[in-house]
Amino acid sequence: IFAKVVEEVQARFSPGNGPLLLMDEAMGEGTGQILHESEVSLAIPALKVEEIRGELRDLTAEVIQDKVIVQGLIHKEIFFVDTAGVARHQAEEVTFSAFVEIPGAAPGMKVQIQPRIESILFELLSPTVLREKVIIEVFAKVTTAIQFQAALGEGPLFRVAEVVGEGTGQI
């Protein structure tokens, strides 16, 4: 069994007369934050809300000029105690959109996102109405593929793609 563990890192390369490499150049990165506020109708009247757990699902990211648009679903699990003292559960999904400003970003570039729910705040307004505030933080990094002739030397090893040939044709 052969196994190799890799970790993505950023490094600087010096131009030289080594191999022609195909790599992703980091064009920029940034962090955005959104607040999604909503009122939820509980199916069964509640005495108190114990906890709300959330996760982000069905995420998409699109690079536009100087920005990244991130969209997805916030899936929430609401745990509460009803008026008879019985523990209950109700699920909810809502959509969200976030913008991350990245100067130099342009359509066609690649993007990596790392969104996370920073906090879920809630308040029971009445036995059947719950106010929720979900704070989401989104980290985005935009890259573009470039060819770069790098100098070889000592130091850490990097996993990169070497260009072994290219050409064009016409029919």
Protein backbone atom coordinates (compact mmCIF):
# COMPACT_ATOMS: atom_id res chain seq x y z
CA ILE A 1 0.00 0.00 0.00
CA PHE A 2 1.35 3.39 -0.99
CA ALA A 3 -0.09 6.52 0.57
CA LYS A 4 0.78 10.19 0.19
CA VAL A 5 -0.62 12.96 2.35
CA VAL A 6 -0.73 16.44 0.85
CA GLU A 7 -1.61 19.82 2.25
CA GLU A 8 -2.28 22.90 0.16
CA VAL A 9 0.23 25.65 0.90
CA GLN A 10 1.15 28.94 -0.65
CA ALA A 11 4.77 29.41 -1.68
CA ARG A 12 6.82 31.78 -3.75
CA PHE A 13 8.81 30.45 -6.70
CA SER A 14 11.77 32.12 -8.37
CA PRO A 15 11.91 32.37 -12.14
CA GLY A 16 14.66 30.27 -13.63
CA ASN A 17 15.61 27.78 -16.32
CA GLY A 18 14.01 24.76 -14.65
CA PRO A 19 10.91 22.93 -15.79
CA LEU A 20 7.82 24.69 -17.11
CA LEU A 21 5.18 24.26 -14.43
CA LEU A 22 1.41 24.65 -14.55
CA MET A 23 0.19 26.03 -11.24
CA ASP A 24 -2.55 28.09 -9.67
CA GLU A 25 -1.53 31.66 -8.90
CA ALA A 26 -3.39 33.17 -5.94
CA MET A 27 -5.08 36.31 -7.22
CA GLY A 28 -6.55 37.24 -3.86
CA GLU A 29 -8.45 36.11 -0.85
CA GLY A 30 -10.93 37.63 1.53
CA THR A 31 -13.53 37.05 4.17
CA GLY A 32 -17.16 38.13 4.14
CA GLN A 33 -19.82 37.92 6.76
CA ILE A 34 -23.61 37.93 6.55
CA LEU A 35 -26.46 38.03 9.01
CA HIS A 36 -29.55 36.03 8.07
CA GLU A 37 -32.51 36.97 10.26
CA SER A 38 -35.89 35.23 10.13
CA GLU A 39 -39.00 34.46 12.13
CA VAL A 40 -40.06 30.81 12.26
CA SER A 41 -43.53 29.53 13.05
CA LEU A 42 -43.32 26.51 15.31
CA ALA A 43 -45.79 23.73 14.48
CA ILE A 44 -46.38 23.06 18.19
CA PRO A 45 -46.44 25.81 20.88
CA ALA A 46 -43.21 25.92 22.90
CA LEU A 47 -42.32 26.83 26.49
CA LYS A 48 -38.65 27.26 25.65
CA VAL A 49 -36.12 26.62 22.91
CA GLU A 50 -33.21 24.49 24.08
CA GLU A 51 -30.89 24.67 21.11
CA ILE A 52 -30.63 25.35 17.38
CA ARG A 53 -28.01 23.46 15.38
CA GLY A 54 -27.16 24.50 11.87
CA GLU A 55 -25.11 23.42 8.90
CA LEU A 56 -24.48 24.84 5.44
CA ARG A 57 -25.50 22.72 2.45
CA ASP A 58 -25.64 22.83 -1.36
CA LEU A 59 -22.97 25.51 -1.60
CA THR A 60 -22.11 27.22 -4.89
CA ALA A 61 -19.60 29.95 -5.64
CA GLU A 62 -19.30 32.20 -8.68
CA VAL A 63 -16.52 34.66 -9.46
CA ILE A 64 -17.58 38.01 -10.88
CA GLN A 65 -15.53 41.17 -11.31
CA ASP A 66 -13.78 41.89 -7.98
CA LYS A 67 -16.21 39.67 -6.00
CA VAL A 68 -17.22 36.12 -5.22
CA ILE A 69 -20.91 35.26 -4.82
CA VAL A 70 -21.55 32.36 -2.42
CA GLN A 71 -25.02 30.82 -2.19
CA GLY A 72 -26.44 27.84 -0.35
CA LEU A 73 -28.85 26.51 2.21
CA ILE A 74 -28.82 26.92 5.97
CA HIS A 75 -30.22 23.69 7.42
CA LYS A 76 -31.39 24.21 11.00
CA GLU A 77 -32.53 21.73 13.64
CA ILE A 78 -34.66 23.44 16.31
CA PHE A 79 -34.91 21.61 19.66
CA PHE A 80 -37.60 22.88 22.03
CA VAL A 81 -39.89 21.89 24.90
CA ASP A 82 -43.64 22.08 24.22
CA THR A 83 -46.30 23.28 26.67
CA ALA A 84 -46.79 19.71 27.97
CA GLY A 85 -43.08 19.44 28.83
CA VAL A 86 -42.27 17.09 25.92
CA ALA A 87 -39.01 17.57 24.01
CA ARG A 88 -39.67 18.33 20.34
CA HIS A 89 -37.76 18.88 17.13
CA GLN A 90 -38.46 20.91 14.01
CA ALA A 91 -36.26 21.26 10.94
CA GLU A 92 -36.02 24.24 8.63
CA GLU A 93 -34.04 25.18 5.53
CA VAL A 94 -33.53 28.69 4.23
CA THR A 95 -31.40 30.04 1.41
CA PHE A 96 -28.59 32.55 1.87
CA SER A 97 -26.30 34.62 -0.34
CA ALA A 98 -23.01 36.27 0.55
CA PHE A 99 -20.51 38.47 -1.25
CA VAL A 100 -16.78 38.41 -0.64
CA GLU A 101 -14.83 41.35 -2.08
CA ILE A 102 -11.60 40.26 -3.78
CA PRO A 103 -9.98 42.99 -5.90
CA GLY A 104 -8.59 41.52 -9.12
CA ALA A 105 -11.03 38.60 -9.24
CA ALA A 106 -12.58 38.05 -12.67
CA PRO A 107 -15.06 35.65 -14.27
CA GLY A 108 -13.47 32.36 -15.32
CA MET A 109 -11.06 32.19 -12.38
CA LYS A 110 -11.20 29.30 -9.90
CA VAL A 111 -12.49 29.81 -6.39
CA GLN A 112 -12.19 27.86 -3.15
CA ILE A 113 -14.59 28.66 -0.32
CA GLN A 114 -14.65 27.81 3.36
CA PRO A 115 -17.94 28.97 4.88
CA ARG A 116 -18.90 28.37 8.49
CA ILE A 117 -21.72 29.26 10.83
CA GLU A 118 -20.21 31.58 13.37
CA SER A 119 -23.23 31.86 15.65
CA ILE A 120 -26.96 31.15 15.90
CA LEU A 121 -28.89 33.49 18.17
CA PHE A 122 -32.56 32.97 18.95
CA GLU A 123 -35.44 34.41 20.95
CA LEU A 124 -38.89 32.91 21.54
CA LEU A 125 -41.26 35.83 20.82
CA SER A 126 -44.44 33.87 21.54
CA PRO A 127 -45.26 30.16 22.02
CA THR A 128 -45.33 29.68 18.23
CA VAL A 129 -42.99 32.41 16.89
CA LEU A 130 -39.21 32.11 17.08
CA ARG A 131 -36.79 34.83 15.92
CA GLU A 132 -33.47 33.50 14.63
CA LYS A 133 -30.25 35.26 13.67
CA VAL A 134 -27.60 33.20 11.87
CA ILE A 135 -24.16 34.75 11.42
CA ILE A 136 -22.16 33.18 8.59
CA GLU A 137 -18.50 33.82 7.81
CA VAL A 138 -17.23 32.97 4.32
CA PHE A 139 -13.54 32.76 3.38
CA ALA A 140 -12.81 32.73 -0.37
CA LYS A 141 -9.58 32.37 -2.34
CA VAL A 142 -9.46 33.10 -6.07
CA THR A 143 -6.77 31.52 -8.27
CA THR A 144 -5.94 31.36 -11.95
CA ALA A 145 -3.87 28.78 -13.83
CA ILE A 146 -0.50 30.04 -15.11
CA GLN A 147 2.60 28.52 -16.70
CA PHE A 148 5.80 29.39 -14.90
CA GLN A 149 9.40 28.36 -15.55
CA ALA A 150 10.77 27.87 -12.05
CA ALA A 151 14.26 27.62 -10.65
CA LEU A 152 14.96 24.31 -8.91
CA GLY A 153 16.81 24.26 -5.64
CA GLU A 154 16.93 23.07 -2.07
CA GLY A 155 14.07 23.30 0.35
CA PRO A 156 10.67 21.72 0.74
CA LEU A 157 9.11 19.53 -1.94
CA PHE A 158 6.04 20.81 -3.75
CA ARG A 159 3.49 18.86 -5.76
CA VAL A 160 3.02 20.70 -9.06
CA ALA A 161 2.01 19.87 -12.61
CA GLU A 162 4.82 19.99 -15.18
CA VAL A 163 3.98 21.01 -18.74
CA VAL A 164 5.36 18.26 -20.99
CA GLY A 165 3.93 19.57 -24.23
CA GLU A 166 1.31 21.73 -25.82
CA GLY A 167 0.25 22.62 -29.30
CA THR A 168 -2.53 23.79 -31.52
CA GLY A 169 -4.09 22.34 -34.61
CA GLN A 170 -6.58 23.25 -37.25
CA ILE A 171 -8.96 21.16 -39.26
